[in-house]
Protein backbone atom coordinates (compact mmCIF):
# COMPACT_ATOMS: atom_id res chain seq x y z
CA MET A 1 -17.40 138.98 -56.11
CA LEU A 2 -15.95 139.30 -59.59
CA ASN A 3 -18.33 142.15 -60.41
CA THR A 4 -17.65 144.25 -57.29
CA ILE A 5 -14.94 146.83 -56.71
CA THR A 6 -13.96 146.29 -53.12
CA GLU A 7 -11.81 148.38 -50.80
CA GLU A 8 -9.27 145.56 -50.88
CA LYS A 9 -9.14 145.53 -54.68
CA LEU A 10 -8.70 149.31 -54.79
CA ARG A 11 -5.91 149.10 -52.19
CA LYS A 12 -4.12 146.54 -54.34
CA TYR A 13 -4.34 148.61 -57.52
CA PHE A 14 -3.37 151.83 -55.76
CA SER A 15 -0.37 150.09 -54.22
CA ILE A 16 0.84 148.62 -57.52
CA THR A 17 0.43 151.91 -59.38
CA LYS A 18 2.14 153.93 -56.64
CA GLU A 19 5.05 151.49 -56.73
CA ALA A 20 5.24 151.82 -60.53
CA ILE A 21 5.29 155.64 -60.33
CA GLU A 22 8.06 155.50 -57.74
CA MET A 23 10.05 153.07 -59.89
CA VAL A 24 9.78 155.34 -62.94
CA GLU A 25 10.93 158.28 -60.85
CA SER A 26 13.90 156.37 -59.43
CA CYS A 27 15.01 154.57 -62.62
CA GLY A 28 14.88 157.59 -64.89
CA ILE A 29 13.63 158.46 -68.32
CA ASP A 30 14.91 158.54 -71.90
CA GLU A 31 16.60 161.95 -71.98
CA ASP A 32 16.34 162.07 -75.79
CA ARG A 33 12.55 161.98 -75.42
CA LYS A 34 12.35 163.83 -72.14
CA GLU A 35 9.32 165.94 -73.07
CA GLN A 36 7.28 162.89 -74.06
CA ALA A 37 8.43 160.88 -71.02
CA LEU A 38 7.50 163.66 -68.62
CA ASP A 39 4.14 164.06 -70.36
CA PHE A 40 3.37 160.34 -69.89
CA LEU A 41 4.48 160.50 -66.25
CA ASP A 42 2.41 163.63 -65.66
CA MET A 43 -0.68 161.99 -67.17
CA ALA A 44 -0.16 158.97 -64.92
CA LYS A 45 0.19 161.13 -61.82
CA ASN A 46 -2.88 163.16 -62.73
CA TYR A 47 -5.02 160.05 -63.20
CA TYR A 48 -3.63 158.64 -59.93
CA SER A 49 -4.62 161.86 -58.17
CA ASP A 50 -8.08 161.70 -59.74
CA ALA A 51 -8.39 158.10 -58.52
CA GLN A 52 -7.57 159.18 -54.98
CA HIS A 53 -10.21 161.92 -55.19
CA PHE A 54 -12.86 159.47 -56.42
CA LYS A 55 -11.97 156.95 -53.71
CA LYS A 56 -12.17 159.63 -51.02
CA ASN A 57 -15.69 160.36 -52.24
CA SER A 58 -16.60 156.65 -52.21
CA ASP A 59 -16.86 156.58 -56.01
CA TYR A 60 -15.13 153.24 -56.38
CA VAL A 61 -16.05 152.70 -60.03
CA ASN A 62 -14.37 155.89 -61.20
CA ALA A 63 -11.49 155.39 -58.75
CA PHE A 64 -10.85 151.96 -60.24
CA ALA A 65 -11.05 153.31 -63.78
CA ALA A 66 -8.72 156.23 -63.05
CA VAL A 67 -6.08 154.16 -61.26
CA ASN A 68 -6.06 151.75 -64.20
CA TYR A 69 -5.70 154.63 -66.66
CA ALA A 70 -2.77 155.87 -64.56
CA HIS A 71 -1.06 152.52 -64.77
CA GLY A 72 -1.83 152.32 -68.48
CA TRP A 73 0.12 155.53 -69.09
CA LEU A 74 3.05 154.15 -67.09
CA ASP A 75 2.94 150.82 -68.87
CA ALA A 76 2.75 152.42 -72.30
CA GLY A 77 5.70 154.69 -71.47
CA ALA A 78 7.71 151.70 -70.29
CA ARG A 79 6.78 149.64 -73.32
CA ILE A 80 7.97 152.26 -75.83
CA GLY A 81 11.14 152.94 -73.86
CA LEU A 82 10.34 156.34 -72.38
CA PHE A 83 11.00 154.97 -68.90
CA LYS A 84 14.15 153.02 -67.99
CA VAL A 85 12.37 150.28 -66.07
CA LYS A 86 13.05 146.56 -66.35
CA ASP A 87 10.43 145.10 -64.03
CA SER A 88 8.03 142.71 -65.73
CA ARG A 89 5.97 142.46 -62.54
CA LEU A 90 4.88 146.11 -62.82
CA PHE A 91 5.25 146.74 -66.57
CA THR A 92 4.96 144.87 -69.86
CA VAL A 93 8.72 144.95 -70.38
CA ASP A 94 11.46 142.35 -70.20
CA SER A 95 13.22 141.97 -66.89
CA GLU A 96 16.98 141.99 -66.83
């Protein structure tokens, strides 16, 4: 079932992205680039919300796309140092 978006797969991606949002919120942001960091976080949260809406309406394709866009914003923010995260399981950053 590599070409099917299942409920289980969506649950996994929603869980990972929710955990990443919570980690960003708890670890903090680069205060020197606060406006940009908050913009990236806001974009991630908006895409996450869109993903939830699509899933609720059984539109799994768009839910999957939106939740991945959400995580992409988080990952990009982490990668360029906007977010003070050091978890290579959730982000493409070095772990401490």
